[in-house]
C-alpha atoms as a PDB file:
ATOM      1  CA  MET A   1       2.529   7.928  64.174  1.00  0.00           C
ATOM      2  CA  ALA A   2      -1.510   7.236  64.299  1.00  0.00           C
ATOM      3  CA  TYR A   3      -3.517   9.526  62.138  1.00  0.00           C
ATOM      4  CA  ARG A   4      -7.162  10.802  63.475  1.00  0.00           C
ATOM      5  CA  THR A   5      -8.314  12.385  60.359  1.00  0.00           C
ATOM      6  CA  ILE A   6      -6.281  11.073  57.402  1.00  0.00           C
ATOM      7  CA  GLU A   7      -5.889   7.656  56.377  1.00  0.00           C
ATOM      8  CA  VAL A   8      -2.455   7.138  55.342  1.00  0.00           C
ATOM      9  CA  THR A   9      -1.228   3.658  53.624  1.00  0.00           C
ATOM     10  CA  PRO A  10       2.576   3.772  52.298  1.00  0.00           C
ATOM     11  CA  ILE A  11       2.935   2.235  48.543  1.00  0.00           C
ATOM     12  CA  GLY A  12       6.889   1.755  49.015  1.00  0.00           C
ATOM     13  CA  GLY A  13       9.428  -0.363  51.313  1.00  0.00           C
ATOM     14  CA  THR A  14      11.291   3.503  52.093  1.00  0.00           C
ATOM     15  CA  MET A  15       9.278   6.146  51.225  1.00  0.00           C
ATOM     16  CA  GLY A  16       5.566   7.212  49.293  1.00  0.00           C
ATOM     17  CA  ALA A  17       2.017   7.188  50.641  1.00  0.00           C
ATOM     18  CA  GLU A  18      -1.300   7.121  49.971  1.00  0.00           C
ATOM     19  CA  VAL A  19      -3.685   9.704  51.806  1.00  0.00           C
ATOM     20  CA  ALA A  20      -7.628   8.796  51.915  1.00  0.00           C
ATOM     21  CA  GLY A  21     -10.412  10.032  53.802  1.00  0.00           C
ATOM     22  CA  ILE A  22      -9.588  14.023  52.551  1.00  0.00           C
ATOM     23  CA  ASP A  23     -11.491  15.638  50.059  1.00  0.00           C
ATOM     24  CA  LEU A  24      -8.940  18.638  49.147  1.00  0.00           C
ATOM     25  CA  ALA A  25     -11.699  20.510  47.759  1.00  0.00           C
ATOM     26  CA  ARG A  26     -13.092  21.467  50.759  1.00  0.00           C
ATOM     27  CA  PRO A  27     -12.051  23.550  53.577  1.00  0.00           C
ATOM     28  CA  LEU A  28      -9.475  21.864  55.488  1.00  0.00           C
ATOM     29  CA  GLY A  29      -9.177  21.872  59.462  1.00  0.00           C
ATOM     30  CA  ASN A  30      -5.212  22.730  61.528  1.00  0.00           C
ATOM     31  CA  GLU A  31      -5.254  19.075  62.689  1.00  0.00           C
ATOM     32  CA  GLN A  32      -6.090  17.770  59.414  1.00  0.00           C
ATOM     33  CA  LEU A  33      -3.367  19.870  57.948  1.00  0.00           C
ATOM     34  CA  ALA A  34      -0.637  18.938  60.574  1.00  0.00           C
ATOM     35  CA  GLU A  35      -1.456  15.619  59.961  1.00  0.00           C
ATOM     36  CA  ILE A  36      -0.941  15.949  55.964  1.00  0.00           C
ATOM     37  CA  HIS A  37       2.197  18.134  56.928  1.00  0.00           C
ATOM     38  CA  GLN A  38       3.459  15.336  58.905  1.00  0.00           C
ATOM     39  CA  ALA A  39       2.491  12.005  56.530  1.00  0.00           C
ATOM     40  CA  PHE A  40       4.479  14.121  53.824  1.00  0.00           C
ATOM     41  CA  LEU A  41       7.908  14.591  55.873  1.00  0.00           C
ATOM     42  CA  GLU A  42       7.434  11.088  56.872  1.00  0.00           C
ATOM     43  CA  ASN A  43       6.676   9.743  53.699  1.00  0.00           C
ATOM     44  CA  GLN A  44       8.612  11.797  51.017  1.00  0.00           C
ATOM     45  CA  VAL A  45       5.531  11.304  48.587  1.00  0.00           C
ATOM     46  CA  LEU A  46       2.132  11.779  48.931  1.00  0.00           C
ATOM     47  CA  VAL A  47      -0.763  10.847  46.713  1.00  0.00           C
ATOM     48  CA  PHE A  48      -4.521  11.665  46.624  1.00  0.00           C
ATOM     49  CA  HIS A  49      -6.440   9.956  44.067  1.00  0.00           C
ATOM     50  CA  ASP A  50      -9.862  11.013  43.027  1.00  0.00           C
ATOM     51  CA  GLN A  51      -9.889  14.671  43.696  1.00  0.00           C
ATOM     52  CA  ASP A  52     -11.610  16.656  41.848  1.00  0.00           C
ATOM     53  CA  LEU A  53      -9.969  20.290  41.782  1.00  0.00           C
ATOM     54  CA  SER A  54     -10.636  23.573  39.898  1.00  0.00           C
ATOM     55  CA  ILE A  55      -7.090  25.386  39.215  1.00  0.00           C
ATOM     56  CA  GLU A  56      -7.917  27.795  42.180  1.00  0.00           C
ATOM     57  CA  GLN A  57      -8.826  24.914  44.534  1.00  0.00           C
ATOM     58  CA  ASN A  58      -5.052  23.148  43.137  1.00  0.00           C
ATOM     59  CA  LYS A  59      -2.745  26.212  43.832  1.00  0.00           C
ATOM     60  CA  ALA A  60      -4.810  27.042  47.205  1.00  0.00           C
ATOM     61  CA  PHE A  61      -3.728  23.367  48.332  1.00  0.00           C
ATOM     62  CA  ALA A  62      -0.287  24.146  47.276  1.00  0.00           C
ATOM     63  CA  ARG A  63       0.253  27.139  49.145  1.00  0.00           C
ATOM     64  CA  ARG A  64      -0.064  25.061  52.000  1.00  0.00           C
ATOM     65  CA  PHE A  65       3.078  23.800  52.019  1.00  0.00           C
ATOM     66  CA  GLY A  66       4.531  27.094  50.540  1.00  0.00           C
ATOM     67  CA  PRO A  67       4.419  29.962  47.898  1.00  0.00           C
ATOM     68  CA  LEU A  68       3.980  28.904  44.450  1.00  0.00           C
ATOM     69  CA  VAL A  69       6.927  30.049  41.970  1.00  0.00           C
ATOM     70  CA  PRO A  70       6.896  29.334  38.588  1.00  0.00           C
ATOM     71  CA  TYR A  71       9.180  27.128  36.188  1.00  0.00           C
ATOM     72  CA  PRO A  72      11.708  29.102  34.478  1.00  0.00           C
ATOM     73  CA  PHE A  73      11.948  27.414  31.396  1.00  0.00           C
ATOM     74  CA  VAL A  74       8.260  27.032  30.107  1.00  0.00           C
ATOM     75  CA  LYS A  75       5.633  29.501  29.705  1.00  0.00           C
ATOM     76  CA  GLY A  76       2.339  28.703  32.671  1.00  0.00           C
ATOM     77  CA  LEU A  77      -0.809  29.230  31.944  1.00  0.00           C
ATOM     78  CA  ASP A  78      -2.048  32.679  30.788  1.00  0.00           C
ATOM     79  CA  ASP A  79      -4.066  33.247  33.574  1.00  0.00           C
ATOM     80  CA  HIS A  80      -1.906  31.023  36.173  1.00  0.00           C
ATOM     81  CA  PRO A  81       1.573  31.685  35.525  1.00  0.00           C
ATOM     82  CA  GLU A  82       2.657  29.429  38.546  1.00  0.00           C
ATOM     83  CA  VAL A  83       1.167  26.575  36.755  1.00  0.00           C
ATOM     84  CA  PHE A  84       2.310  24.858  33.639  1.00  0.00           C
ATOM     85  CA  GLU A  85       0.785  22.233  31.574  1.00  0.00           C
ATOM     86  CA  ILE A  86       2.981  19.439  31.144  1.00  0.00           C
ATOM     87  CA  ARG A  87       1.142  17.748  28.249  1.00  0.00           C
ATOM     88  CA  LYS A  88       2.192  14.833  25.697  1.00  0.00           C
ATOM     89  CA  GLU A  89       0.320  14.333  22.842  1.00  0.00           C
ATOM     90  CA  PRO A  90      -0.037  10.905  20.670  1.00  0.00           C
ATOM     91  CA  ASP A  91       2.263  11.547  18.086  1.00  0.00           C
ATOM     92  CA  GLU A  92       4.869  12.677  19.934  1.00  0.00           C
ATOM     93  CA  GLU A  93       7.974  10.400  20.954  1.00  0.00           C
ATOM     94  CA  LYS A  94       9.558  12.027  23.823  1.00  0.00           C
ATOM     95  CA  ASN A  95       8.453  13.374  27.414  1.00  0.00           C
ATOM     96  CA  PHE A  96       9.013  16.015  29.591  1.00  0.00           C
ATOM     97  CA  GLY A  97      10.809  14.952  32.898  1.00  0.00           C
ATOM     98  CA  GLY A  98      12.038  11.596  31.543  1.00  0.00           C
ATOM     99  CA  ALA A  99      15.756  11.446  33.002  1.00  0.00           C
ATOM    100  CA  TRP A 100      16.414  11.693  36.891  1.00  0.00           C
ATOM    101  CA  HIS A 101      16.278  14.685  38.365  1.00  0.00           C
ATOM    102  CA  THR A 102      15.505  16.911  41.301  1.00  0.00           C
ATOM    103  CA  ASP A 103      13.253  20.063  40.296  1.00  0.00           C
ATOM    104  CA  MET A 104      15.411  23.191  39.835  1.00  0.00           C
ATOM    105  CA  SER A 105      18.272  22.230  41.951  1.00  0.00           C
ATOM    106  CA  PHE A 106      20.289  24.785  39.604  1.00  0.00           C
ATOM    107  CA  GLU A 107      18.794  27.559  41.983  1.00  0.00           C
ATOM    108  CA  GLU A 108      20.025  28.867  44.885  1.00  0.00           C
ATOM    109  CA  ARG A 109      17.198  28.257  47.124  1.00  0.00           C
ATOM    110  CA  PRO A 110      15.691  25.040  45.389  1.00  0.00           C
ATOM    111  CA  PRO A 111      11.741  24.902  45.568  1.00  0.00           C
ATOM    112  CA  VAL A 112      10.436  22.693  48.798  1.00  0.00           C
ATOM    113  CA  ALA A 113       8.214  20.589  47.137  1.00  0.00           C
ATOM    114  CA  THR A 114       6.613  20.002  43.546  1.00  0.00           C
ATOM    115  CA  MET A 115       2.917  19.287  43.092  1.00  0.00           C
ATOM    116  CA  LEU A 116       1.528  17.312  39.678  1.00  0.00           C
ATOM    117  CA  TYR A 117      -2.778  17.303  39.420  1.00  0.00           C
ATOM    118  CA  ALA A 118      -3.461  14.606  36.840  1.00  0.00           C
ATOM    119  CA  ARG A 119      -5.844  15.989  34.513  1.00  0.00           C
ATOM    120  CA  GLU A 120      -5.728  13.145  31.348  1.00  0.00           C
ATOM    121  CA  THR A 121      -4.123  10.000  32.033  1.00  0.00           C
ATOM    122  CA  PRO A 122      -3.121   7.041  29.279  1.00  0.00           C
ATOM    123  CA  SER A 123      -4.458   3.918  29.755  1.00  0.00           C
ATOM    124  CA  ARG A 124      -1.723   2.463  31.189  1.00  0.00           C
ATOM    125  CA  GLY A 125       1.910   3.658  32.133  1.00  0.00           C
ATOM    126  CA  GLY A 126       2.829   7.443  32.364  1.00  0.00           C
ATOM    127  CA  ASP A 127       3.795   6.628  35.934  1.00  0.00           C
ATOM    128  CA  THR A 128       6.581   8.612  37.997  1.00  0.00           C
ATOM    129  CA  LEU A 129       9.661   6.818  40.051  1.00  0.00           C
ATOM    130  CA  LEU A 130      10.662   8.518  42.933  1.00  0.00           C
ATOM    131  CA  ALA A 131      13.911   7.748  44.446  1.00  0.00           C
ATOM    132  CA  ASP A 132      14.511   8.103  48.568  1.00  0.00           C
ATOM    133  CA  LEU A 133      17.610  10.183  48.729  1.00  0.00           C
ATOM    134  CA  TYR A 134      18.133   9.361  52.387  1.00  0.00           C
ATOM    135  CA  ARG A 135      18.198   6.315  51.957  1.00  0.00           C
ATOM    136  CA  ALA A 136      20.888   6.757  49.286  1.00  0.00           C
ATOM    137  CA  TYR A 137      23.037   8.662  51.890  1.00  0.00           C
ATOM    138  CA  GLU A 138      22.120   5.945  54.253  1.00  0.00           C
ATOM    139  CA  THR A 139      23.594   3.319  52.211  1.00  0.00           C
ATOM    140  CA  LEU A 140      27.056   4.688  51.657  1.00  0.00           C
ATOM    141  CA  SER A 141      29.964   3.240  53.472  1.00  0.00           C
ATOM    142  CA  ASP A 142      31.062   5.217  56.371  1.00  0.00           C
ATOM    143  CA  THR A 143      34.440   5.720  54.371  1.00  0.00           C
ATOM    144  CA  MET A 144      32.132   7.244  51.258  1.00  0.00           C
ATOM    145  CA  LYS A 145      30.703   9.343  53.598  1.00  0.00           C
ATOM    146  CA  GLY A 146      33.316  11.172  54.762  1.00  0.00           C
ATOM    147  CA  VAL A 147      34.235  11.781  51.115  1.00  0.00           C
ATOM    148  CA  VAL A 148      31.157  13.510  50.012  1.00  0.00           C
ATOM    149  CA  GLY A 149      30.449  15.224  53.858  1.00  0.00           C
ATOM    150  CA  GLY A 150      32.572  17.619  52.740  1.00  0.00           C
ATOM    151  CA  LEU A 151      32.214  18.083  48.793  1.00  0.00           C
ATOM    152  CA  ARG A 152      29.611  20.634  46.933  1.00  0.00           C
ATOM    153  CA  GLY A 153      28.374  19.926  43.839  1.00  0.00           C
ATOM    154  CA  VAL A 154      27.706  22.286  40.716  1.00  0.00           C
ATOM    155  CA  TYR A 155      24.377  22.249  39.362  1.00  0.00           C
ATOM    156  CA  SER A 156      23.645  23.698  36.213  1.00  0.00           C
ATOM    157  CA  GLY A 157      19.695  24.515  34.124  1.00  0.00           C
ATOM    158  CA  ASP A 158      21.694  23.918  31.064  1.00  0.00           C
ATOM    159  CA  LEU A 159      21.450  20.165  31.158  1.00  0.00           C
ATOM    160  CA  LYS A 160      24.988  19.694  30.229  1.00  0.00           C
ATOM    161  CA  GLY A 161      25.084  16.452  30.557  1.00  0.00           C
ATOM    162  CA  ARG A 162      22.413  15.597  27.415  1.00  0.00           C
ATOM    163  CA  ARG A 163      23.492  16.210  24.234  1.00  0.00           C
ATOM    164  CA  GLY A 164      22.357  19.876  22.904  1.00  0.00           C
ATOM    165  CA  GLY A 165      21.351  20.555  26.095  1.00  0.00           C
ATOM    166  CA  ARG A 166      18.572  22.584  27.304  1.00  0.00           C
ATOM    167  CA  LYS A 167      17.669  23.879  24.295  1.00  0.00           C
ATOM    168  CA  ALA A 168      17.693  20.362  22.527  1.00  0.00           C
ATOM    169  CA  LEU A 169      15.221  19.303  24.763  1.00  0.00           C
ATOM    170  CA  MET A 170      12.819  21.996  24.573  1.00  0.00           C
ATOM    171  CA  ASP A 171      12.989  21.984  21.058  1.00  0.00           C
ATOM    172  CA  SER A 172      11.861  18.753  21.272  1.00  0.00           C
ATOM    173  CA  THR A 173       8.188  19.477  22.921  1.00  0.00           C
ATOM    174  CA  ARG A 174       5.473  21.437  22.084  1.00  0.00           C
ATOM    175  CA  PHE A 175       6.091  23.890  25.273  1.00  0.00           C
ATOM    176  CA  GLN A 176       6.009  27.246  24.864  1.00  0.00           C
ATOM    177  CA  ALA A 177       9.444  27.796  26.087  1.00  0.00           C
ATOM    178  CA  ALA A 178      11.155  30.429  28.187  1.00  0.00           C
ATOM    179  CA  ASN A 179      14.856  31.934  29.145  1.00  0.00           C
ATOM    180  CA  VAL A 180      16.311  28.684  26.821  1.00  0.00           C
ATOM    181  CA  ASP A 181      19.208  31.661  26.377  1.00  0.00           C
ATOM    182  CA  ARG A 182      19.563  32.041  29.731  1.00  0.00           C
ATOM    183  CA  ALA A 183      19.903  28.215  31.123  1.00  0.00           C
ATOM    184  CA  GLY A 184      23.798  28.406  30.913  1.00  0.00           C
ATOM    185  CA  GLU A 185      23.386  31.392  33.807  1.00  0.00           C
ATOM    186  CA  MET A 186      21.272  29.563  35.741  1.00  0.00           C
ATOM    187  CA  GLU A 187      23.857  27.745  38.294  1.00  0.00           C
ATOM    188  CA  ALA A 188      24.251  27.304  41.678  1.00  0.00           C
ATOM    189  CA  GLU A 189      26.476  25.118  44.452  1.00  0.00           C
ATOM    190  CA  HIS A 190      25.695  23.223  47.055  1.00  0.00           C
ATOM    191  CA  PRO A 191      26.337  20.281  49.213  1.00  0.00           C
ATOM    192  CA  LEU A 192      26.438  16.979  48.317  1.00  0.00           C
ATOM    193  CA  VAL A 193      25.073  16.003  51.559  1.00  0.00           C
ATOM    194  CA  ARG A 194      22.388  18.185  52.589  1.00  0.00           C
ATOM    195  CA  THR A 195      20.658  18.194  56.002  1.00  0.00           C
ATOM    196  CA  HIS A 196      16.643  18.424  56.175  1.00  0.00           C
ATOM    197  CA  PRO A 197      15.999  21.438  57.913  1.00  0.00           C
ATOM    198  CA  GLU A 198      12.724  19.857  59.677  1.00  0.00           C
ATOM    199  CA  THR A 199      13.523  16.498  60.147  1.00  0.00           C
ATOM    200  CA  GLY A 200      17.164  17.021  60.438  1.00  0.00           C
ATOM    201  CA  ARG A 201      17.681  13.551  58.212  1.00  0.00           C
ATOM    202  CA  LYS A 202      20.974  13.818  56.150  1.00  0.00           C
ATOM    203  CA  ALA A 203      20.236  13.117  52.273  1.00  0.00           C
ATOM    204  CA  LEU A 204      22.696  12.453  49.536  1.00  0.00           C
ATOM    205  CA  TYR A 205      21.651  15.842  47.400  1.00  0.00           C
ATOM    206  CA  VAL A 206      21.730  14.230  43.625  1.00  0.00           C
ATOM    207  CA  SER A 207      20.058  15.388  40.839  1.00  0.00           C
ATOM    208  CA  GLY A 208      21.084  13.143  37.506  1.00  0.00           C
ATOM    209  CA  SER A 209      19.658  15.659  35.210  1.00  0.00           C
ATOM    210  CA  HIS A 210      22.111  18.930  36.901  1.00  0.00           C
ATOM    211  CA  LEU A 211      24.438  17.780  38.897  1.00  0.00           C
ATOM    212  CA  TYR A 212      27.487  18.077  36.341  1.00  0.00           C
ATOM    213  CA  ARG A 213      30.518  18.433  38.770  1.00  0.00           C
ATOM    214  CA  ILE A 214      31.923  18.597  42.157  1.00  0.00           C
ATOM    215  CA  ALA A 215      33.784  21.967  43.179  1.00  0.00           C
ATOM    216  CA  GLY A 216      37.477  21.486  43.624  1.00  0.00           C
ATOM    217  CA  MET A 217      37.972  18.269  41.629  1.00  0.00           C
ATOM    218  CA  THR A 218      39.654  17.874  38.150  1.00  0.00           C
ATOM    219  CA  ASP A 219      37.351  16.696  35.863  1.00  0.00           C
ATOM    220  CA  ALA A 220      38.315  13.040  35.631  1.00  0.00           C
ATOM    221  CA  GLU A 221      38.119  12.859  39.443  1.00  0.00           C
ATOM    222  CA  SER A 222      34.818  14.953  39.128  1.00  0.00           C
ATOM    223  CA  ALA A 223      33.202  12.877  36.424  1.00  0.00           C
ATOM    224  CA  ALA A 224      34.111   9.304  38.255  1.00  0.00           C
ATOM    225  CA  LEU A 225      32.070  10.263  41.708  1.00  0.00           C
ATOM    226  CA  VAL A 226      29.489  12.147  39.969  1.00  0.00           C
ATOM    227  CA  GLY A 227      28.681   8.688  38.111  1.00  0.00           C
ATOM    228  CA  PHE A 228      28.878   6.811  40.625  1.00  0.00           C
ATOM    229  CA  LEU A 229      27.056   9.171  42.975  1.00  0.00           C
ATOM    230  CA  LYS A 230      24.077   9.500  40.316  1.00  0.00           C
ATOM    231  CA  SER A 231      24.184   5.462  39.700  1.00  0.00           C
ATOM    232  CA  HIS A 232      23.985   5.117  43.447  1.00  0.00           C
ATOM    233  CA  ALA A 233      20.933   7.376  43.992  1.00  0.00           C
ATOM    234  CA  GLU A 234      18.804   5.445  41.097  1.00  0.00           C
ATOM    235  CA  THR A 235      19.100   2.157  43.190  1.00  0.00           C
ATOM    236  CA  PRO A 236      15.745   0.505  42.359  1.00  0.00           C
ATOM    237  CA  ASP A 237      15.179  -0.801  45.928  1.00  0.00           C
ATOM    238  CA  PHE A 238      15.211   3.305  46.875  1.00  0.00           C
ATOM    239  CA  THR A 239      12.460   3.911  45.027  1.00  0.00           C
ATOM    240  CA  CYS A 240       8.942   4.087  44.885  1.00  0.00           C
ATOM    241  CA  ARG A 241       6.157   4.314  41.971  1.00  0.00           C
ATOM    242  CA  VAL A 242       3.181   6.045  41.238  1.00  0.00           C
ATOM    243  CA  GLY A 243       0.750   5.684  39.165  1.00  0.00           C
ATOM    244  CA  TYR A 244      -2.053   8.580  38.105  1.00  0.00           C
ATOM    245  CA  ARG A 245      -5.667   8.417  36.925  1.00  0.00           C
ATOM    246  CA  PRO A 246      -7.718  11.659  35.842  1.00  0.00           C
ATOM    247  CA  GLY A 247      -7.823  13.502  40.047  1.00  0.00           C
ATOM    248  CA  THR A 248      -4.418  12.139  41.355  1.00  0.00           C
ATOM    249  CA  LEU A 249      -2.299  14.409  42.964  1.00  0.00           C
ATOM    250  CA  VAL A 250       1.167  13.817  44.213  1.00  0.00           C
ATOM    251  CA  VAL A 251       3.189  16.312  45.894  1.00  0.00           C
ATOM    252  CA  TRP A 252       6.905  15.496  46.779  1.00  0.00           C
ATOM    253  CA  ASP A 253       9.665  17.025  48.897  1.00  0.00           C
ATOM    254  CA  ASN A 254      12.369  18.008  46.653  1.00  0.00           C
ATOM    255  CA  ARG A 255      14.926  17.925  49.857  1.00  0.00           C
ATOM    256  CA  CYS A 256      15.214  14.671  50.342  1.00  0.00           C
ATOM    257  CA  THR A 257      13.600  13.137  46.128  1.00  0.00           C
ATOM    258  CA  GLN A 258      14.484  12.985  43.171  1.00  0.00           C
ATOM    259  CA  HIS A 259      12.574  11.747  40.065  1.00  0.00           C
ATOM    260  CA  ARG A 260      11.580  10.999  36.938  1.00  0.00           C
ATOM    261  CA  ALA A 261       8.614   9.973  34.563  1.00  0.00           C
ATOM    262  CA  LEU A 262       8.174   7.124  32.979  1.00  0.00           C
ATOM    263  CA  ASN A 263       7.620   7.431  28.937  1.00  0.00           C
ATOM    264  CA  ASP A 264       5.823   4.386  28.426  1.00  0.00           C
ATOM    265  CA  TYR A 265       2.761   4.855  26.930  1.00  0.00           C
ATOM    266  CA  PRO A 266       2.849   5.056  23.100  1.00  0.00           C
ATOM    267  CA  GLY A 267       0.557   6.807  21.257  1.00  0.00           C
ATOM    268  CA  GLU A 268      -1.622   8.396  23.771  1.00  0.00           C
ATOM    269  CA  ARG A 269      -2.058  11.148  25.754  1.00  0.00           C
ATOM    270  CA  ARG A 270      -1.004  12.518  28.954  1.00  0.00           C
ATOM    271  CA  VAL A 271      -1.849  16.114  30.451  1.00  0.00           C
ATOM    272  CA  MET A 272      -0.679  17.074  33.836  1.00  0.00           C
ATOM    273  CA  HIS A 273      -0.590  20.336  35.807  1.00  0.00           C
ATOM    274  CA  ARG A 274       2.464  20.841  37.779  1.00  0.00           C
ATOM    275  CA  LEU A 275       2.711  23.552  40.565  1.00  0.00           C
ATOM    276  CA  THR A 276       6.341  24.115  42.304  1.00  0.00           C
ATOM    277  CA  ILE A 277       6.656  25.084  46.074  1.00  0.00           C
ATOM    278  CA  GLY A 278       9.332  27.473  47.219  1.00  0.00           C
ATOM    279  CA  GLY A 279      10.196  29.039  50.334  1.00  0.00           C
ATOM    280  CA  GLY A 280      13.166  27.008  50.653  1.00  0.00           C
ATOM    281  CA  ASP A 281      16.159  27.292  51.938  1.00  0.00           C
ATOM    282  CA  ARG A 282      19.899  27.161  50.780  1.00  0.00           C
ATOM    283  CA  PRO A 283      20.669  23.446  51.382  1.00  0.00           C
ATOM    284  CA  HIS A 284      23.672  22.896  54.372  1.00  0.00           C
END
């Protein structure tokens, strides 16, 4: 569509766009908000560079997409529990979010969107890769669409495909962890093919870290199909890459994307503020 109040420039062949001509620290008019929302639905990932935002301003903009919800496994900031700081120090080797996933797909009502605001960035690297799950579905054969169309996946907060599960991940970081002992209880069953409630488009609902089996299948059947679907959803042709500098704000649609944080900046610090935007429907 043509935009009157913002400038929208695609960054990938199938998804992602940079938005310019707007200061998110200022009050936004109804037309600006409507165009941002339309750009969000059309591009799935929006990138706003050079934004000077306080935490309150960041939260206020995030609430334009829906209510804020805390991330269950990391304690939020003392005065802002909905915000948690993703910090990797120069002496740390492992990063947070370094495997493909869709945020909190283990919830009965997974979040609508995730927002990251860059506070400190390395001299190079530290980008986020995102994959278009609309395209992941659309490029399946008609036969495979028929197979997965009636199936339901089981998504776990315990990272069952990772050695040591959720506890091992949290133990490898400096985060103040929360609810790790309950990770195995955080599990939900969702359709493998979900219909986006606003666009009506179908997406392959794959969350690399959380989807661990398919309901109603034997272990061998499930493992084979889950392995194929995860590999397919990570196809480079479906992706875009977001680079950061201090003041970059990114928001992506968890209903039709998955993502991973690159860990290619050894010996440097990266600090991001993450906000999770809830209010979504049960996938269907």
